[in-house]
Amino acid sequence: MKQRSALVLGASGLIGSELVKLLLDSTEYSAVTLLVRRELPITHSKLSQVITDFDRLDEYDHVFRVDDVYSCLGTTIKVAKTKENFHKVDYDYTIKAAQMAKKNAAESLLTVTALGADSNSFFFYNRVKGNVERDLKKLSLASVHIFQPSLLLGDRNEFRRGEKIAEAIGTKLSFLFVGPMRKYKPIQAQTVARSMIEKALEKQKGFFIHRSEKI
């Protein structure tokens, strides 16, 4: 069986870092390429890292010639400083990556938005995520898998006080997340990453949204 190749954007994030570990351990993949702003402290025989100016993704056309493109790009208003910068990372870069994936005939694009993503939402964050989903669908790629996780659990490189508090509460009160509330139950980043790889390997054609309780 032919081994696959993967490209990962957002490899330094919570889901992205778990995804890279799983891809490198997977016997299904023979080559894993990361687009990064700065080199990550990872070495592996099938790993390549490409220092990237994400404002000029068109110049990295060749690295998108892979089977599966995984986009885990994302930031926060606190880190981005402005709504414009947040939109650039979460929307512009993701859509451009999808366009590049389509141009190079990648078999699948797999990306992460958020629970509550809605292009008509009053909330800026949810609206941007919803716009990403809406416009990815318009691109008509061969296979798109969108993952909408609830609160993510795992070891982040950056400290987020609000999420740490919510994580502590959510973990202790996990028994409350049943029935209609199940979709709000915190989820491990590794669980999301593993599901992304599983969906890529299924090779299903079409546009799919995977909500947190189904991941």
C-alpha atoms as a PDB file:
ATOM      1  CA  MET A   1       0.000   0.000   0.000  1.00  0.00           C
ATOM      2  CA  LYS A   2       1.279   3.464  -0.939  1.00  0.00           C
ATOM      3  CA  GLN A   3       2.311   5.535   2.034  1.00  0.00           C
ATOM      4  CA  ARG A   4       0.905   9.034   2.281  1.00  0.00           C
ATOM      5  CA  SER A   5       2.373  12.504   2.639  1.00  0.00           C
ATOM      6  CA  ALA A   6       1.067  15.225   4.940  1.00  0.00           C
ATOM      7  CA  LEU A   7       1.460  18.972   5.274  1.00  0.00           C
ATOM      8  CA  VAL A   8       0.718  20.600   8.640  1.00  0.00           C
ATOM      9  CA  LEU A   9       0.034  24.278   9.293  1.00  0.00           C
ATOM     10  CA  GLY A  10      -0.203  25.348  12.924  1.00  0.00           C
ATOM     11  CA  ALA A  11       2.110  22.612  14.185  1.00  0.00           C
ATOM     12  CA  SER A  12       3.095  24.524  17.331  1.00  0.00           C
ATOM     13  CA  GLY A  13      -0.464  24.764  18.671  1.00  0.00           C
ATOM     14  CA  LEU A  14      -2.254  22.424  21.017  1.00  0.00           C
ATOM     15  CA  ILE A  15      -3.914  20.232  18.378  1.00  0.00           C
ATOM     16  CA  GLY A  16      -1.148  20.749  15.830  1.00  0.00           C
ATOM     17  CA  SER A  17       1.582  19.482  18.134  1.00  0.00           C
ATOM     18  CA  GLU A  18      -0.412  16.354  18.962  1.00  0.00           C
ATOM     19  CA  LEU A  19      -1.126  15.850  15.273  1.00  0.00           C
ATOM     20  CA  VAL A  20       2.564  15.970  14.377  1.00  0.00           C
ATOM     21  CA  LYS A  21       3.403  13.332  16.993  1.00  0.00           C
ATOM     22  CA  LEU A  22       0.720  10.999  15.672  1.00  0.00           C
ATOM     23  CA  LEU A  23       1.674  11.523  12.033  1.00  0.00           C
ATOM     24  CA  LEU A  24       5.329  10.784  12.751  1.00  0.00           C
ATOM     25  CA  ASP A  25       4.348   7.619  14.606  1.00  0.00           C
ATOM     26  CA  SER A  26       1.933   6.519  11.880  1.00  0.00           C
ATOM     27  CA  THR A  27       3.010   3.798   9.465  1.00  0.00           C
ATOM     28  CA  GLU A  28       0.553   5.250   6.934  1.00  0.00           C
ATOM     29  CA  TYR A  29       2.689   8.356   6.363  1.00  0.00           C
ATOM     30  CA  SER A  30       6.182   8.399   4.907  1.00  0.00           C
ATOM     31  CA  ALA A  31       6.634  12.187   4.761  1.00  0.00           C
ATOM     32  CA  VAL A  32       5.421  14.976   7.047  1.00  0.00           C
ATOM     33  CA  THR A  33       6.112  18.624   6.230  1.00  0.00           C
ATOM     34  CA  LEU A  34       5.516  21.505   8.612  1.00  0.00           C
ATOM     35  CA  LEU A  35       5.004  25.121   7.616  1.00  0.00           C
ATOM     36  CA  VAL A  36       6.361  27.095  10.558  1.00  0.00           C
ATOM     37  CA  ARG A  37       7.358  30.674  11.389  1.00  0.00           C
ATOM     38  CA  ARG A  38      10.378  29.345  13.270  1.00  0.00           C
ATOM     39  CA  GLU A  39      11.859  25.867  13.432  1.00  0.00           C
ATOM     40  CA  LEU A  40      10.398  23.601  16.096  1.00  0.00           C
ATOM     41  CA  PRO A  41      12.663  21.444  18.328  1.00  0.00           C
ATOM     42  CA  ILE A  42      11.626  18.208  16.611  1.00  0.00           C
ATOM     43  CA  THR A  43      13.711  15.824  14.545  1.00  0.00           C
ATOM     44  CA  HIS A  44      12.576  12.728  12.677  1.00  0.00           C
ATOM     45  CA  SER A  45      13.650  10.877   9.561  1.00  0.00           C
ATOM     46  CA  LYS A  46      10.398  11.647   7.730  1.00  0.00           C
ATOM     47  CA  LEU A  47       9.995  15.219   8.999  1.00  0.00           C
ATOM     48  CA  SER A  48      10.719  18.402   7.031  1.00  0.00           C
ATOM     49  CA  GLN A  49      10.238  21.932   8.339  1.00  0.00           C
ATOM     50  CA  VAL A  50       9.805  24.913   6.043  1.00  0.00           C
ATOM     51  CA  ILE A  51      10.303  28.381   7.546  1.00  0.00           C
ATOM     52  CA  THR A  52       7.339  30.269   6.146  1.00  0.00           C
ATOM     53  CA  ASP A  53       6.083  33.806   5.613  1.00  0.00           C
ATOM     54  CA  PHE A  54       2.364  33.093   5.857  1.00  0.00           C
ATOM     55  CA  ASP A  55       1.563  36.381   4.155  1.00  0.00           C
ATOM     56  CA  ARG A  56       3.189  34.920   1.022  1.00  0.00           C
ATOM     57  CA  LEU A  57       1.843  31.368   0.918  1.00  0.00           C
ATOM     58  CA  ASP A  58       1.688  31.520  -2.885  1.00  0.00           C
ATOM     59  CA  GLU A  59       5.483  31.250  -2.890  1.00  0.00           C
ATOM     60  CA  TYR A  60       5.356  27.818  -1.217  1.00  0.00           C
ATOM     61  CA  ASP A  61       3.365  26.119  -3.919  1.00  0.00           C
ATOM     62  CA  HIS A  62       5.576  23.023  -4.051  1.00  0.00           C
ATOM     63  CA  VAL A  63       5.019  22.019  -0.415  1.00  0.00           C
ATOM     64  CA  PHE A  64       1.274  21.679  -1.026  1.00  0.00           C
ATOM     65  CA  ARG A  65       1.893  18.733  -3.380  1.00  0.00           C
ATOM     66  CA  VAL A  66       0.876  16.228  -0.722  1.00  0.00           C
ATOM     67  CA  ASP A  67      -1.965  13.809  -0.080  1.00  0.00           C
ATOM     68  CA  ASP A  68      -3.392  15.498   3.014  1.00  0.00           C
ATOM     69  CA  VAL A  69      -3.257  19.116   4.183  1.00  0.00           C
ATOM     70  CA  TYR A  70      -3.901  19.594   7.892  1.00  0.00           C
ATOM     71  CA  SER A  71      -4.585  23.159   9.020  1.00  0.00           C
ATOM     72  CA  CYS A  72      -4.572  23.807  12.762  1.00  0.00           C
ATOM     73  CA  LEU A  73      -4.000  27.528  12.432  1.00  0.00           C
ATOM     74  CA  GLY A  74      -5.518  29.711  15.098  1.00  0.00           C
ATOM     75  CA  THR A  75      -4.799  32.473  17.569  1.00  0.00           C
ATOM     76  CA  THR A  76      -6.560  34.609  20.168  1.00  0.00           C
ATOM     77  CA  ILE A  77      -7.411  38.292  20.285  1.00  0.00           C
ATOM     78  CA  LYS A  78      -4.980  38.608  23.203  1.00  0.00           C
ATOM     79  CA  VAL A  79      -2.095  37.270  21.123  1.00  0.00           C
ATOM     80  CA  ALA A  80      -3.176  38.848  17.831  1.00  0.00           C
ATOM     81  CA  LYS A  81      -3.750  42.254  19.518  1.00  0.00           C
ATOM     82  CA  THR A  82      -6.341  43.315  16.928  1.00  0.00           C
ATOM     83  CA  LYS A  83      -9.367  41.834  15.225  1.00  0.00           C
ATOM     84  CA  GLU A  84      -7.631  42.393  11.901  1.00  0.00           C
ATOM     85  CA  ASN A  85      -4.658  40.246  12.882  1.00  0.00           C
ATOM     86  CA  PHE A  86      -6.944  37.583  14.329  1.00  0.00           C
ATOM     87  CA  HIS A  87      -8.897  37.480  11.058  1.00  0.00           C
ATOM     88  CA  LYS A  88      -5.667  37.211   9.071  1.00  0.00           C
ATOM     89  CA  VAL A  89      -4.515  34.108  10.954  1.00  0.00           C
ATOM     90  CA  ASP A  90      -7.812  32.306  11.456  1.00  0.00           C
ATOM     91  CA  TYR A  91      -9.499  33.181   8.163  1.00  0.00           C
ATOM     92  CA  ASP A  92      -7.063  34.473   5.534  1.00  0.00           C
ATOM     93  CA  TYR A  93      -4.314  31.918   6.074  1.00  0.00           C
ATOM     94  CA  THR A  94      -6.747  29.009   6.329  1.00  0.00           C
ATOM     95  CA  ILE A  95      -8.590  29.914   3.132  1.00  0.00           C
ATOM     96  CA  LYS A  96      -5.337  30.531   1.266  1.00  0.00           C
ATOM     97  CA  ALA A  97      -4.028  27.143   2.405  1.00  0.00           C
ATOM     98  CA  ALA A  98      -7.225  25.545   1.117  1.00  0.00           C
ATOM     99  CA  GLN A  99      -6.834  27.282  -2.235  1.00  0.00           C
ATOM    100  CA  MET A 100      -3.267  26.022  -2.479  1.00  0.00           C
ATOM    101  CA  ALA A 101      -4.389  22.513  -1.560  1.00  0.00           C
ATOM    102  CA  LYS A 102      -6.985  22.600  -4.333  1.00  0.00           C
ATOM    103  CA  LYS A 103      -4.513  23.983  -6.861  1.00  0.00           C
ATOM    104  CA  ASN A 104      -2.130  21.099  -6.146  1.00  0.00           C
ATOM    105  CA  ALA A 105      -4.874  18.442  -6.108  1.00  0.00           C
ATOM    106  CA  ALA A 106      -4.419  17.386  -2.494  1.00  0.00           C
ATOM    107  CA  GLU A 107      -6.735  14.504  -1.687  1.00  0.00           C
ATOM    108  CA  SER A 108      -8.057  16.060   1.505  1.00  0.00           C
ATOM    109  CA  LEU A 109      -8.061  19.187   3.627  1.00  0.00           C
ATOM    110  CA  LEU A 110      -8.653  18.814   7.347  1.00  0.00           C
ATOM    111  CA  THR A 111      -9.034  21.854   9.576  1.00  0.00           C
ATOM    112  CA  VAL A 112     -10.245  22.974  12.988  1.00  0.00           C
ATOM    113  CA  THR A 113     -12.811  25.692  13.654  1.00  0.00           C
ATOM    114  CA  ALA A 114     -14.794  25.740  16.909  1.00  0.00           C
ATOM    115  CA  LEU A 115     -18.007  24.695  18.553  1.00  0.00           C
ATOM    116  CA  GLY A 116     -20.454  27.508  17.875  1.00  0.00           C
ATOM    117  CA  ALA A 117     -18.954  28.526  14.523  1.00  0.00           C
ATOM    118  CA  ASP A 118     -21.627  30.577  12.749  1.00  0.00           C
ATOM    119  CA  SER A 119     -21.157  33.137   9.979  1.00  0.00           C
ATOM    120  CA  ASN A 120     -24.207  35.014  11.334  1.00  0.00           C
ATOM    121  CA  SER A 121     -23.082  35.031  14.944  1.00  0.00           C
ATOM    122  CA  PHE A 122     -23.094  38.224  17.001  1.00  0.00           C
ATOM    123  CA  PHE A 123     -19.740  37.149  18.439  1.00  0.00           C
ATOM    124  CA  PHE A 124     -16.678  38.009  16.362  1.00  0.00           C
ATOM    125  CA  TYR A 125     -14.788  34.783  17.129  1.00  0.00           C
ATOM    126  CA  ASN A 126     -17.696  32.516  16.173  1.00  0.00           C
ATOM    127  CA  ARG A 127     -18.443  34.624  13.110  1.00  0.00           C
ATOM    128  CA  VAL A 128     -14.896  34.322  11.765  1.00  0.00           C
ATOM    129  CA  LYS A 129     -14.924  30.563  12.315  1.00  0.00           C
ATOM    130  CA  GLY A 130     -18.304  30.347  10.593  1.00  0.00           C
ATOM    131  CA  ASN A 131     -17.018  32.348   7.645  1.00  0.00           C
ATOM    132  CA  VAL A 132     -14.118  29.907   7.306  1.00  0.00           C
ATOM    133  CA  GLU A 133     -16.557  26.992   7.102  1.00  0.00           C
ATOM    134  CA  ARG A 134     -18.831  28.800   4.653  1.00  0.00           C
ATOM    135  CA  ASP A 135     -16.033  29.744   2.279  1.00  0.00           C
ATOM    136  CA  LEU A 136     -14.284  26.375   2.460  1.00  0.00           C
ATOM    137  CA  LYS A 137     -17.503  24.822   1.237  1.00  0.00           C
ATOM    138  CA  LYS A 138     -17.595  27.265  -1.683  1.00  0.00           C
ATOM    139  CA  LEU A 139     -14.131  26.115  -2.805  1.00  0.00           C
ATOM    140  CA  SER A 140     -15.464  22.647  -3.621  1.00  0.00           C
ATOM    141  CA  LEU A 141     -12.346  20.701  -2.738  1.00  0.00           C
ATOM    142  CA  ALA A 142     -12.388  16.956  -3.245  1.00  0.00           C
ATOM    143  CA  SER A 143     -12.569  16.214   0.483  1.00  0.00           C
ATOM    144  CA  VAL A 144     -12.926  18.641   3.400  1.00  0.00           C
ATOM    145  CA  HIS A 145     -13.218  17.653   7.045  1.00  0.00           C
ATOM    146  CA  ILE A 146     -13.952  20.392   9.576  1.00  0.00           C
ATOM    147  CA  PHE A 147     -13.638  19.697  13.282  1.00  0.00           C
ATOM    148  CA  GLN A 148     -15.566  21.711  15.856  1.00  0.00           C
ATOM    149  CA  PRO A 149     -14.113  20.867  19.269  1.00  0.00           C
ATOM    150  CA  SER A 150     -15.419  22.183  22.565  1.00  0.00           C
ATOM    151  CA  LEU A 151     -12.960  23.363  25.228  1.00  0.00           C
ATOM    152  CA  LEU A 152      -9.627  21.708  24.495  1.00  0.00           C
ATOM    153  CA  LEU A 153      -7.649  19.843  27.136  1.00  0.00           C
ATOM    154  CA  GLY A 154      -3.878  19.438  26.940  1.00  0.00           C
ATOM    155  CA  ASP A 155      -0.576  21.131  27.650  1.00  0.00           C
ATOM    156  CA  ARG A 156      -0.399  24.499  25.916  1.00  0.00           C
ATOM    157  CA  ASN A 157       2.796  26.423  25.236  1.00  0.00           C
ATOM    158  CA  GLU A 158       1.031  29.579  26.375  1.00  0.00           C
ATOM    159  CA  PHE A 159      -0.932  30.171  29.566  1.00  0.00           C
ATOM    160  CA  ARG A 160      -4.604  31.081  29.132  1.00  0.00           C
ATOM    161  CA  ARG A 161      -6.116  31.841  32.540  1.00  0.00           C
ATOM    162  CA  GLY A 162      -9.747  31.737  31.414  1.00  0.00           C
ATOM    163  CA  GLU A 163      -9.322  28.383  29.695  1.00  0.00           C
ATOM    164  CA  LYS A 164      -7.457  26.932  32.671  1.00  0.00           C
ATOM    165  CA  ILE A 165     -10.334  27.889  34.972  1.00  0.00           C
ATOM    166  CA  ALA A 166     -12.917  26.511  32.553  1.00  0.00           C
ATOM    167  CA  GLU A 167     -10.839  23.338  32.160  1.00  0.00           C
ATOM    168  CA  ALA A 168     -10.713  22.789  35.928  1.00  0.00           C
ATOM    169  CA  ILE A 169     -14.452  23.318  36.285  1.00  0.00           C
ATOM    170  CA  GLY A 170     -15.286  21.230  33.230  1.00  0.00           C
ATOM    171  CA  THR A 171     -13.140  18.325  34.391  1.00  0.00           C
ATOM    172  CA  LYS A 172     -14.601  18.245  37.887  1.00  0.00           C
ATOM    173  CA  LEU A 173     -18.173  18.598  36.647  1.00  0.00           C
ATOM    174  CA  SER A 174     -17.844  16.322  33.623  1.00  0.00           C
ATOM    175  CA  PHE A 175     -20.827  14.280  34.853  1.00  0.00           C
ATOM    176  CA  LEU A 176     -23.065  17.207  33.926  1.00  0.00           C
ATOM    177  CA  PHE A 177     -22.218  16.971  30.217  1.00  0.00           C
ATOM    178  CA  VAL A 178     -24.910  14.510  29.172  1.00  0.00           C
ATOM    179  CA  GLY A 179     -27.809  14.684  26.736  1.00  0.00           C
ATOM    180  CA  PRO A 180     -28.022  18.109  25.015  1.00  0.00           C
ATOM    181  CA  MET A 181     -25.053  19.301  27.101  1.00  0.00           C
ATOM    182  CA  ARG A 182     -22.758  16.571  25.818  1.00  0.00           C
ATOM    183  CA  LYS A 183     -21.404  18.748  23.025  1.00  0.00           C
ATOM    184  CA  TYR A 184     -19.935  21.158  25.591  1.00  0.00           C
ATOM    185  CA  LYS A 185     -17.870  18.503  27.355  1.00  0.00           C
ATOM    186  CA  PRO A 186     -14.136  19.338  27.261  1.00  0.00           C
ATOM    187  CA  ILE A 187     -12.155  17.223  24.820  1.00  0.00           C
ATOM    188  CA  GLN A 188      -8.513  16.183  24.688  1.00  0.00           C
ATOM    189  CA  ALA A 189      -6.506  17.787  21.876  1.00  0.00           C
ATOM    190  CA  GLN A 190      -4.987  14.386  21.114  1.00  0.00           C
ATOM    191  CA  THR A 191      -8.488  12.981  20.562  1.00  0.00           C
ATOM    192  CA  VAL A 192      -9.166  15.659  17.949  1.00  0.00           C
ATOM    193  CA  ALA A 193      -5.803  15.073  16.263  1.00  0.00           C
ATOM    194  CA  ARG A 194      -6.363  11.316  16.128  1.00  0.00           C
ATOM    195  CA  SER A 195      -9.817  11.806  14.612  1.00  0.00           C
ATOM    196  CA  MET A 196      -8.362  14.094  11.925  1.00  0.00           C
ATOM    197  CA  ILE A 197      -5.936  11.393  10.818  1.00  0.00           C
ATOM    198  CA  GLU A 198      -8.621   8.716  10.889  1.00  0.00           C
ATOM    199  CA  LYS A 199     -10.867  10.786   8.625  1.00  0.00           C
ATOM    200  CA  ALA A 200      -8.028  11.459   6.187  1.00  0.00           C
ATOM    201  CA  LEU A 201      -7.293   7.757   5.914  1.00  0.00           C
ATOM    202  CA  GLU A 202     -10.956   6.959   5.211  1.00  0.00           C
ATOM    203  CA  LYS A 203     -10.551   8.868   1.916  1.00  0.00           C
ATOM    204  CA  GLN A 204     -14.185   9.959   1.771  1.00  0.00           C
ATOM    205  CA  LYS A 205     -15.120  12.542  -0.830  1.00  0.00           C
ATOM    206  CA  GLY A 206     -17.291  15.475   0.146  1.00  0.00           C
ATOM    207  CA  PHE A 207     -17.701  18.193   2.777  1.00  0.00           C
ATOM    208  CA  PHE A 208     -17.971  17.067   6.394  1.00  0.00           C
ATOM    209  CA  ILE A 209     -18.359  18.839   9.736  1.00  0.00           C
ATOM    210  CA  HIS A 210     -17.483  16.858  12.858  1.00  0.00           C
ATOM    211  CA  ARG A 211     -18.956  18.318  16.028  1.00  0.00           C
ATOM    212  CA  SER A 212     -17.278  17.856  19.373  1.00  0.00           C
ATOM    213  CA  GLU A 213     -19.552  15.140  20.746  1.00  0.00           C
ATOM    214  CA  LYS A 214     -18.967  13.043  17.600  1.00  0.00           C
ATOM    215  CA  ILE A 215     -15.182  13.419  17.458  1.00  0.00           C
END
